[in-house]
Structures are given as C-alpha cells and as structure tokens.
Amino acid sequence: MLKSHFYEGLVEAGCDEAGRGCLAGAVYAAAVILPPDYQNPLLNDSKQLTEYRRYELRTEIERDALAWAVGIVGPEEIDRINILNASILAMHRALDQLTLRPQAVIVDGNRFKPYYLPSSPTPLPHTTIVKGDGKYLSIAAASILAKTYRDDYMNRLAQEYPQYDWQRNKGYPTKKHREAIRQYGTTPYHRMSYNLLGTTELSLDFKD
C-alpha cells in the first residue's frame, strides 16, 4: 500500500510530470496536496493503470485533494532550456498555482531544483524519490493528473495533425510517428532539439 506522506506533520505536495520522452508536445506536471492520512487503494503509478482507471481516479483526486494544479512547458521552451529544466519548471508552475501553500515537496525521480514560495528567502524542504509514483499517494495522484491532462492535450493536437497518430502514441517516438515525420516533416509542436528520426543515439536526462 502506498504511503500517505513523507514529511511528518507538514502540508506536503507531491509532484510528477508526463511527456519527457516525447518527440512532440508540451511537458505537463502536476502538484497535489492530499488530506492527512488519506487512503485510496486504487491509486498507483499512472503507467500501471488502464486509461479508463486513470480518468476515473482523476475525478476522485480532484474531488478529494486539498489542492491540486497542473503546470505546462511548451516545446519551444523545452528546446531552449532542455527537457530536464523544463520538467522541473513545469513542476514549479504547478506548485505556483496551488490554492493551499505547501510546507514541503516530494518529487518523483532524482532531480529537482529548490522551490521558493512568494516573498520567502528560504526554499521549501524537498525530497526526490525514485519510483515515488509507486510509493507515495500524492506523487501517484500527481502522475495521474499530469498524464491525463497531457493526453487530453495530445488528443486535441491529433485532430489538427492526424497523420502523426498522436491520439495513440501521444507524441512518443513510435515507428508510425517517425515515419510520418519523414513523410510530412515537422509541426510547430515538435521538439526540434530531439532526435526526431531516430538516426543516432540520443541520451535524455531521464525517461518517463
């Protein structure tokens, strides 16, 4: 069973992102503050859930959370600052939008930058947790919100550019996606700093 919190007695926000390894589209991140001792046995890493269950849980998370928000960094900004910095910036933007100010932050993965509340000279305590979306409820909840809101966004883009199969691959580097890039070229939503055609080895800072 996933744990309810990491920091004892603090208002804690869990953060996670979706879309780091995609060739196209924005990276999305979510921040979620759940009630103390909250439990939901169905919450888990979004990648372990069916699409139907993710959307079902999104409704429950938004209903039950003390606060939640989603942050976005677009493809042009990703190209400018790189995907690691963009992923962290998306998390910071999500934290900025929370209606309840957190006192600590827990983050899926192993990289984060200090987060400051407005007018505070001291960053909030934060802890990075590898595979945290399978260990802590608030990170799992954030992974579900980030994933589903990004999927909604990619589905909208797929209507504009149907040839790239984004409604299925959500911008990830599938064979069909890369074949479409070869045939039709790129769109304004493609990340031009990425290895779009898969012709050489590309080392990303980390993967989804």
C-alpha atoms as a PDB file:
ATOM      1  CA  MET A   1       0.000   0.000   0.000  1.00  0.00           C
ATOM      2  CA  LEU A   2       1.256   3.464  -0.883  1.00  0.00           C
ATOM      3  CA  LYS A   3       2.257   5.791   1.954  1.00  0.00           C
ATOM      4  CA  SER A   4       0.235   8.886   2.765  1.00  0.00           C
ATOM      5  CA  HIS A   5       3.151  11.261   3.426  1.00  0.00           C
ATOM      6  CA  PHE A   6       6.927  11.593   3.732  1.00  0.00           C
ATOM      7  CA  TYR A   7       7.257  14.665   5.963  1.00  0.00           C
ATOM      8  CA  GLU A   8       5.676  14.245   9.378  1.00  0.00           C
ATOM      9  CA  GLY A   9       3.224  16.968  10.325  1.00  0.00           C
ATOM     10  CA  LEU A  10       3.763  19.218   7.268  1.00  0.00           C
ATOM     11  CA  VAL A  11       1.448  20.193   4.434  1.00  0.00           C
ATOM     12  CA  GLU A  12       3.096  18.188   1.686  1.00  0.00           C
ATOM     13  CA  ALA A  13       2.699  18.470  -2.093  1.00  0.00           C
ATOM     14  CA  GLY A  14       3.533  15.528  -4.332  1.00  0.00           C
ATOM     15  CA  CYS A  15       4.825  16.313  -7.837  1.00  0.00           C
ATOM     16  CA  ASP A  16       5.248  14.324 -11.019  1.00  0.00           C
ATOM     17  CA  GLU A  17       5.358  15.004 -14.754  1.00  0.00           C
ATOM     18  CA  ALA A  18       4.404  13.400 -18.051  1.00  0.00           C
ATOM     19  CA  GLY A  19       5.853  13.656 -21.525  1.00  0.00           C
ATOM     20  CA  ARG A  20       9.602  13.902 -21.016  1.00  0.00           C
ATOM     21  CA  GLY A  21      10.469  11.352 -23.676  1.00  0.00           C
ATOM     22  CA  CYS A  22       8.039  12.578 -26.327  1.00  0.00           C
ATOM     23  CA  LEU A  23       9.095  13.965 -29.685  1.00  0.00           C
ATOM     24  CA  ALA A  24       6.207  16.422 -29.775  1.00  0.00           C
ATOM     25  CA  GLY A  25       4.037  18.453 -27.442  1.00  0.00           C
ATOM     26  CA  ALA A  26       4.433  20.130 -24.092  1.00  0.00           C
ATOM     27  CA  VAL A  27       5.630  18.513 -20.891  1.00  0.00           C
ATOM     28  CA  TYR A  28       2.955  18.540 -18.183  1.00  0.00           C
ATOM     29  CA  ALA A  29       3.422  18.367 -14.421  1.00  0.00           C
ATOM     30  CA  ALA A  30       1.017  18.230 -11.518  1.00  0.00           C
ATOM     31  CA  ALA A  31       1.216  19.063  -7.837  1.00  0.00           C
ATOM     32  CA  VAL A  32      -1.252  17.505  -5.388  1.00  0.00           C
ATOM     33  CA  ILE A  33      -1.868  18.034  -1.682  1.00  0.00           C
ATOM     34  CA  LEU A  34      -3.938  15.241  -0.162  1.00  0.00           C
ATOM     35  CA  PRO A  35      -5.593  15.239   3.272  1.00  0.00           C
ATOM     36  CA  PRO A  36      -3.563  13.815   6.171  1.00  0.00           C
ATOM     37  CA  ASP A  37      -3.824  10.018   6.389  1.00  0.00           C
ATOM     38  CA  TYR A  38      -5.666   9.923   3.048  1.00  0.00           C
ATOM     39  CA  GLN A  39      -6.039   6.459   1.569  1.00  0.00           C
ATOM     40  CA  ASN A  40      -7.199   5.228  -1.820  1.00  0.00           C
ATOM     41  CA  PRO A  41      -6.246   1.618  -2.558  1.00  0.00           C
ATOM     42  CA  LEU A  42      -6.651   2.160  -6.303  1.00  0.00           C
ATOM     43  CA  LEU A  43      -4.063   4.944  -6.547  1.00  0.00           C
ATOM     44  CA  ASN A  44      -0.839   3.875  -8.220  1.00  0.00           C
ATOM     45  CA  ASP A  45       1.777   4.971 -10.715  1.00  0.00           C
ATOM     46  CA  SER A  46      -0.229   6.122 -13.752  1.00  0.00           C
ATOM     47  CA  LYS A  47       1.770   3.824 -16.048  1.00  0.00           C
ATOM     48  CA  GLN A  48       0.420   0.824 -14.113  1.00  0.00           C
ATOM     49  CA  LEU A  49      -3.210   1.813 -14.696  1.00  0.00           C
ATOM     50  CA  THR A  50      -5.570   1.480 -17.622  1.00  0.00           C
ATOM     51  CA  GLU A  51      -6.693   4.630 -19.401  1.00  0.00           C
ATOM     52  CA  TYR A  52     -10.206   4.169 -18.048  1.00  0.00           C
ATOM     53  CA  ARG A  53      -8.958   3.842 -14.453  1.00  0.00           C
ATOM     54  CA  ARG A  54      -6.697   6.892 -14.780  1.00  0.00           C
ATOM     55  CA  TYR A  55      -9.620   9.111 -15.754  1.00  0.00           C
ATOM     56  CA  GLU A  56     -11.811   7.583 -13.070  1.00  0.00           C
ATOM     57  CA  LEU A  57      -9.138   8.325 -10.476  1.00  0.00           C
ATOM     58  CA  ARG A  58      -8.633  11.848 -11.804  1.00  0.00           C
ATOM     59  CA  THR A  59     -12.198  12.640 -10.787  1.00  0.00           C
ATOM     60  CA  GLU A  60     -11.591  11.207  -7.310  1.00  0.00           C
ATOM     61  CA  ILE A  61      -8.286  13.052  -6.879  1.00  0.00           C
ATOM     62  CA  GLU A  62      -9.785  16.399  -7.873  1.00  0.00           C
ATOM     63  CA  ARG A  63     -12.696  15.787  -5.511  1.00  0.00           C
ATOM     64  CA  ASP A  64     -10.621  14.648  -2.527  1.00  0.00           C
ATOM     65  CA  ALA A  65      -7.442  16.734  -2.749  1.00  0.00           C
ATOM     66  CA  LEU A  66      -6.973  19.755  -0.520  1.00  0.00           C
ATOM     67  CA  ALA A  67      -5.370  21.418  -3.552  1.00  0.00           C
ATOM     68  CA  TRP A  68      -4.141  20.401  -6.993  1.00  0.00           C
ATOM     69  CA  ALA A  69      -2.758  22.147 -10.066  1.00  0.00           C
ATOM     70  CA  VAL A  70      -1.147  21.435 -13.429  1.00  0.00           C
ATOM     71  CA  GLY A  71       1.879  23.217 -14.918  1.00  0.00           C
ATOM     72  CA  ILE A  72       2.895  23.228 -18.575  1.00  0.00           C
ATOM     73  CA  VAL A  73       6.079  23.956 -20.536  1.00  0.00           C
ATOM     74  CA  GLY A  74       5.722  24.051 -24.328  1.00  0.00           C
ATOM     75  CA  PRO A  75       8.014  22.562 -26.991  1.00  0.00           C
ATOM     76  CA  GLU A  76       9.780  25.820 -27.896  1.00  0.00           C
ATOM     77  CA  GLU A  77      10.687  26.362 -24.266  1.00  0.00           C
ATOM     78  CA  ILE A  78      11.805  22.727 -23.965  1.00  0.00           C
ATOM     79  CA  ASP A  79      14.160  23.276 -26.912  1.00  0.00           C
ATOM     80  CA  ARG A  80      15.516  26.427 -25.311  1.00  0.00           C
ATOM     81  CA  ILE A  81      16.164  25.184 -21.751  1.00  0.00           C
ATOM     82  CA  ASN A  82      16.308  21.358 -22.255  1.00  0.00           C
ATOM     83  CA  ILE A  83      13.859  18.726 -21.036  1.00  0.00           C
ATOM     84  CA  LEU A  84      15.294  18.335 -17.537  1.00  0.00           C
ATOM     85  CA  ASN A  85      14.948  22.032 -16.767  1.00  0.00           C
ATOM     86  CA  ALA A  86      11.549  22.113 -18.499  1.00  0.00           C
ATOM     87  CA  SER A  87      10.236  19.217 -16.404  1.00  0.00           C
ATOM     88  CA  ILE A  88      11.293  20.919 -13.187  1.00  0.00           C
ATOM     89  CA  LEU A  89       9.896  24.257 -14.363  1.00  0.00           C
ATOM     90  CA  ALA A  90       6.543  22.589 -15.104  1.00  0.00           C
ATOM     91  CA  MET A  91       6.505  21.263 -11.525  1.00  0.00           C
ATOM     92  CA  HIS A  92       7.319  24.718 -10.165  1.00  0.00           C
ATOM     93  CA  ARG A  93       4.491  26.191 -12.245  1.00  0.00           C
ATOM     94  CA  ALA A  94       2.096  23.619 -10.823  1.00  0.00           C
ATOM     95  CA  LEU A  95       3.237  24.447  -7.288  1.00  0.00           C
ATOM     96  CA  ASP A  96       2.763  28.159  -8.013  1.00  0.00           C
ATOM     97  CA  GLN A  97      -0.921  27.559  -8.762  1.00  0.00           C
ATOM     98  CA  LEU A  98      -1.825  25.619  -5.618  1.00  0.00           C
ATOM     99  CA  THR A  99      -4.558  27.339  -3.627  1.00  0.00           C
ATOM    100  CA  LEU A 100      -3.104  25.884  -0.413  1.00  0.00           C
ATOM    101  CA  ARG A 101       0.543  26.712   0.210  1.00  0.00           C
ATOM    102  CA  PRO A 102       2.638  23.588   0.809  1.00  0.00           C
ATOM    103  CA  GLN A 103       5.247  23.355   3.550  1.00  0.00           C
ATOM    104  CA  ALA A 104       7.259  20.609   1.824  1.00  0.00           C
ATOM    105  CA  VAL A 105       7.508  18.933  -1.572  1.00  0.00           C
ATOM    106  CA  ILE A 106       8.118  15.332  -2.617  1.00  0.00           C
ATOM    107  CA  VAL A 107       9.031  14.627  -6.227  1.00  0.00           C
ATOM    108  CA  ASP A 108       9.133  11.528  -8.393  1.00  0.00           C
ATOM    109  CA  GLY A 109      12.611  10.831  -9.729  1.00  0.00           C
ATOM    110  CA  ASN A 110      16.032  12.037  -8.653  1.00  0.00           C
ATOM    111  CA  ARG A 111      16.274  15.627  -9.901  1.00  0.00           C
ATOM    112  CA  PHE A 112      14.645  18.822  -8.674  1.00  0.00           C
ATOM    113  CA  LYS A 113      15.543  22.443  -8.014  1.00  0.00           C
ATOM    114  CA  PRO A 114      14.726  24.345  -4.819  1.00  0.00           C
ATOM    115  CA  TYR A 115      11.240  25.820  -4.818  1.00  0.00           C
ATOM    116  CA  TYR A 116      10.535  29.143  -3.117  1.00  0.00           C
ATOM    117  CA  LEU A 117       7.172  30.433  -2.017  1.00  0.00           C
ATOM    118  CA  PRO A 118       6.485  34.067  -2.941  1.00  0.00           C
ATOM    119  CA  SER A 119       8.387  36.510  -0.713  1.00  0.00           C
ATOM    120  CA  SER A 120      10.235  33.681   1.057  1.00  0.00           C
ATOM    121  CA  PRO A 121      14.057  33.744   1.101  1.00  0.00           C
ATOM    122  CA  THR A 122      14.203  30.075   2.110  1.00  0.00           C
ATOM    123  CA  PRO A 123      13.257  27.212  -0.204  1.00  0.00           C
ATOM    124  CA  LEU A 124      10.738  24.636   0.910  1.00  0.00           C
ATOM    125  CA  PRO A 125      12.132  21.315   2.101  1.00  0.00           C
ATOM    126  CA  HIS A 126      12.025  18.848  -0.761  1.00  0.00           C
ATOM    127  CA  THR A 127      12.873  15.196  -1.309  1.00  0.00           C
ATOM    128  CA  THR A 128      13.264  13.340  -4.595  1.00  0.00           C
ATOM    129  CA  ILE A 129      12.073   9.731  -4.549  1.00  0.00           C
ATOM    130  CA  VAL A 130      12.973   7.281  -7.304  1.00  0.00           C
ATOM    131  CA  LYS A 131       9.815   5.480  -8.416  1.00  0.00           C
ATOM    132  CA  GLY A 132       7.955   7.698  -5.969  1.00  0.00           C
ATOM    133  CA  ASP A 133       4.756   7.401  -8.007  1.00  0.00           C
ATOM    134  CA  GLY A 134       4.574   3.808  -6.803  1.00  0.00           C
ATOM    135  CA  LYS A 135       5.409   4.664  -3.183  1.00  0.00           C
ATOM    136  CA  TYR A 136       3.522   7.829  -2.148  1.00  0.00           C
ATOM    137  CA  LEU A 137      -0.118   8.652  -2.753  1.00  0.00           C
ATOM    138  CA  SER A 138       0.354  12.328  -3.559  1.00  0.00           C
ATOM    139  CA  ILE A 139       3.020  11.580  -6.184  1.00  0.00           C
ATOM    140  CA  ALA A 140       0.821   8.851  -7.687  1.00  0.00           C
ATOM    141  CA  ALA A 141      -2.054  11.329  -7.795  1.00  0.00           C
ATOM    142  CA  ALA A 142       0.180  13.900  -9.491  1.00  0.00           C
ATOM    143  CA  SER A 143       1.298  11.322 -12.056  1.00  0.00           C
ATOM    144  CA  ILE A 144      -2.333  10.595 -12.936  1.00  0.00           C
ATOM    145  CA  LEU A 145      -3.263  14.259 -13.329  1.00  0.00           C
ATOM    146  CA  ALA A 146      -0.172  15.038 -15.396  1.00  0.00           C
ATOM    147  CA  LYS A 147      -0.712  12.033 -17.639  1.00  0.00           C
ATOM    148  CA  THR A 148      -4.435  12.520 -18.248  1.00  0.00           C
ATOM    149  CA  TYR A 149      -4.253  16.269 -18.850  1.00  0.00           C
ATOM    150  CA  ARG A 150      -1.359  15.778 -21.236  1.00  0.00           C
ATOM    151  CA  ASP A 151      -3.267  13.009 -23.039  1.00  0.00           C
ATOM    152  CA  ASP A 152      -6.221  15.375 -23.444  1.00  0.00           C
ATOM    153  CA  TYR A 153      -3.870  17.962 -24.944  1.00  0.00           C
ATOM    154  CA  MET A 154      -2.278  15.485 -27.372  1.00  0.00           C
ATOM    155  CA  ASN A 155      -5.713  14.259 -28.439  1.00  0.00           C
ATOM    156  CA  ARG A 156      -6.610  17.846 -29.345  1.00  0.00           C
ATOM    157  CA  LEU A 157      -3.384  18.231 -31.335  1.00  0.00           C
ATOM    158  CA  ALA A 158      -4.127  14.940 -33.112  1.00  0.00           C
ATOM    159  CA  GLN A 159      -7.247  16.491 -34.588  1.00  0.00           C
ATOM    160  CA  GLU A 160      -5.087  19.243 -36.076  1.00  0.00           C
ATOM    161  CA  TYR A 161      -2.360  16.870 -37.311  1.00  0.00           C
ATOM    162  CA  PRO A 162      -3.931  13.407 -37.715  1.00  0.00           C
ATOM    163  CA  GLN A 163      -1.098  11.972 -39.795  1.00  0.00           C
ATOM    164  CA  TYR A 164       1.233  11.640 -36.766  1.00  0.00           C
ATOM    165  CA  ASP A 165      -1.067   9.236 -34.856  1.00  0.00           C
ATOM    166  CA  TRP A 166      -0.833  11.350 -31.710  1.00  0.00           C
ATOM    167  CA  GLN A 167      -4.189  10.121 -30.452  1.00  0.00           C
ATOM    168  CA  ARG A 168      -2.444   6.760 -29.940  1.00  0.00           C
ATOM    169  CA  ASN A 169       1.229   7.497 -29.366  1.00  0.00           C
ATOM    170  CA  LYS A 170       0.725  10.821 -27.516  1.00  0.00           C
ATOM    171  CA  GLY A 171       3.884  12.160 -29.142  1.00  0.00           C
ATOM    172  CA  TYR A 172       6.200   9.322 -28.126  1.00  0.00           C
ATOM    173  CA  PRO A 173       8.752   8.018 -30.662  1.00  0.00           C
ATOM    174  CA  THR A 174       6.808   5.153 -32.217  1.00  0.00           C
ATOM    175  CA  LYS A 175       7.642   3.790 -35.659  1.00  0.00           C
ATOM    176  CA  LYS A 176       4.487   5.340 -37.144  1.00  0.00           C
ATOM    177  CA  HIS A 177       5.257   8.727 -35.621  1.00  0.00           C
ATOM    178  CA  ARG A 178       8.780   8.772 -37.027  1.00  0.00           C
ATOM    179  CA  GLU A 179       7.614   7.569 -40.425  1.00  0.00           C
ATOM    180  CA  ALA A 180       5.133  10.461 -40.511  1.00  0.00           C
ATOM    181  CA  ILE A 181       7.930  12.922 -39.696  1.00  0.00           C
ATOM    182  CA  ARG A 182       9.931  11.524 -42.612  1.00  0.00           C
ATOM    183  CA  GLN A 183       6.951  11.815 -44.944  1.00  0.00           C
ATOM    184  CA  TYR A 184       5.340  15.082 -43.835  1.00  0.00           C
ATOM    185  CA  GLY A 185       8.110  16.894 -41.947  1.00  0.00           C
ATOM    186  CA  THR A 186       7.729  18.531 -38.557  1.00  0.00           C
ATOM    187  CA  THR A 187       4.987  20.632 -36.976  1.00  0.00           C
ATOM    188  CA  PRO A 188       5.187  23.635 -34.638  1.00  0.00           C
ATOM    189  CA  TYR A 189       4.666  21.136 -31.799  1.00  0.00           C
ATOM    190  CA  HIS A 190       7.739  19.002 -32.466  1.00  0.00           C
ATOM    191  CA  ARG A 191      10.763  19.345 -30.194  1.00  0.00           C
ATOM    192  CA  MET A 192      13.473  20.309 -32.640  1.00  0.00           C
ATOM    193  CA  SER A 193      16.292  19.620 -30.165  1.00  0.00           C
ATOM    194  CA  TYR A 194      15.263  15.940 -30.091  1.00  0.00           C
ATOM    195  CA  ASN A 195      16.438  13.097 -32.295  1.00  0.00           C
ATOM    196  CA  LEU A 196      13.196  13.100 -34.262  1.00  0.00           C
ATOM    197  CA  LEU A 197      14.085  10.470 -36.846  1.00  0.00           C
ATOM    198  CA  GLY A 198      15.947   8.135 -34.511  1.00  0.00           C
ATOM    199  CA  THR A 199      19.008   8.100 -36.738  1.00  0.00           C
ATOM    200  CA  THR A 200      21.571   8.473 -33.952  1.00  0.00           C
ATOM    201  CA  GLU A 201      21.760   7.588 -30.298  1.00  0.00           C
ATOM    202  CA  LEU A 202      20.274  10.266 -28.082  1.00  0.00           C
ATOM    203  CA  SER A 203      20.808  10.398 -24.346  1.00  0.00           C
ATOM    204  CA  LEU A 204      17.976  12.098 -22.487  1.00  0.00           C
ATOM    205  CA  ASP A 205      18.463  13.256 -18.923  1.00  0.00           C
ATOM    206  CA  PHE A 206      15.907  10.714 -17.815  1.00  0.00           C
ATOM    207  CA  LYS A 207      12.977   8.784 -19.167  1.00  0.00           C
ATOM    208  CA  ASP A 208       9.306   8.550 -18.197  1.00  0.00           C
END
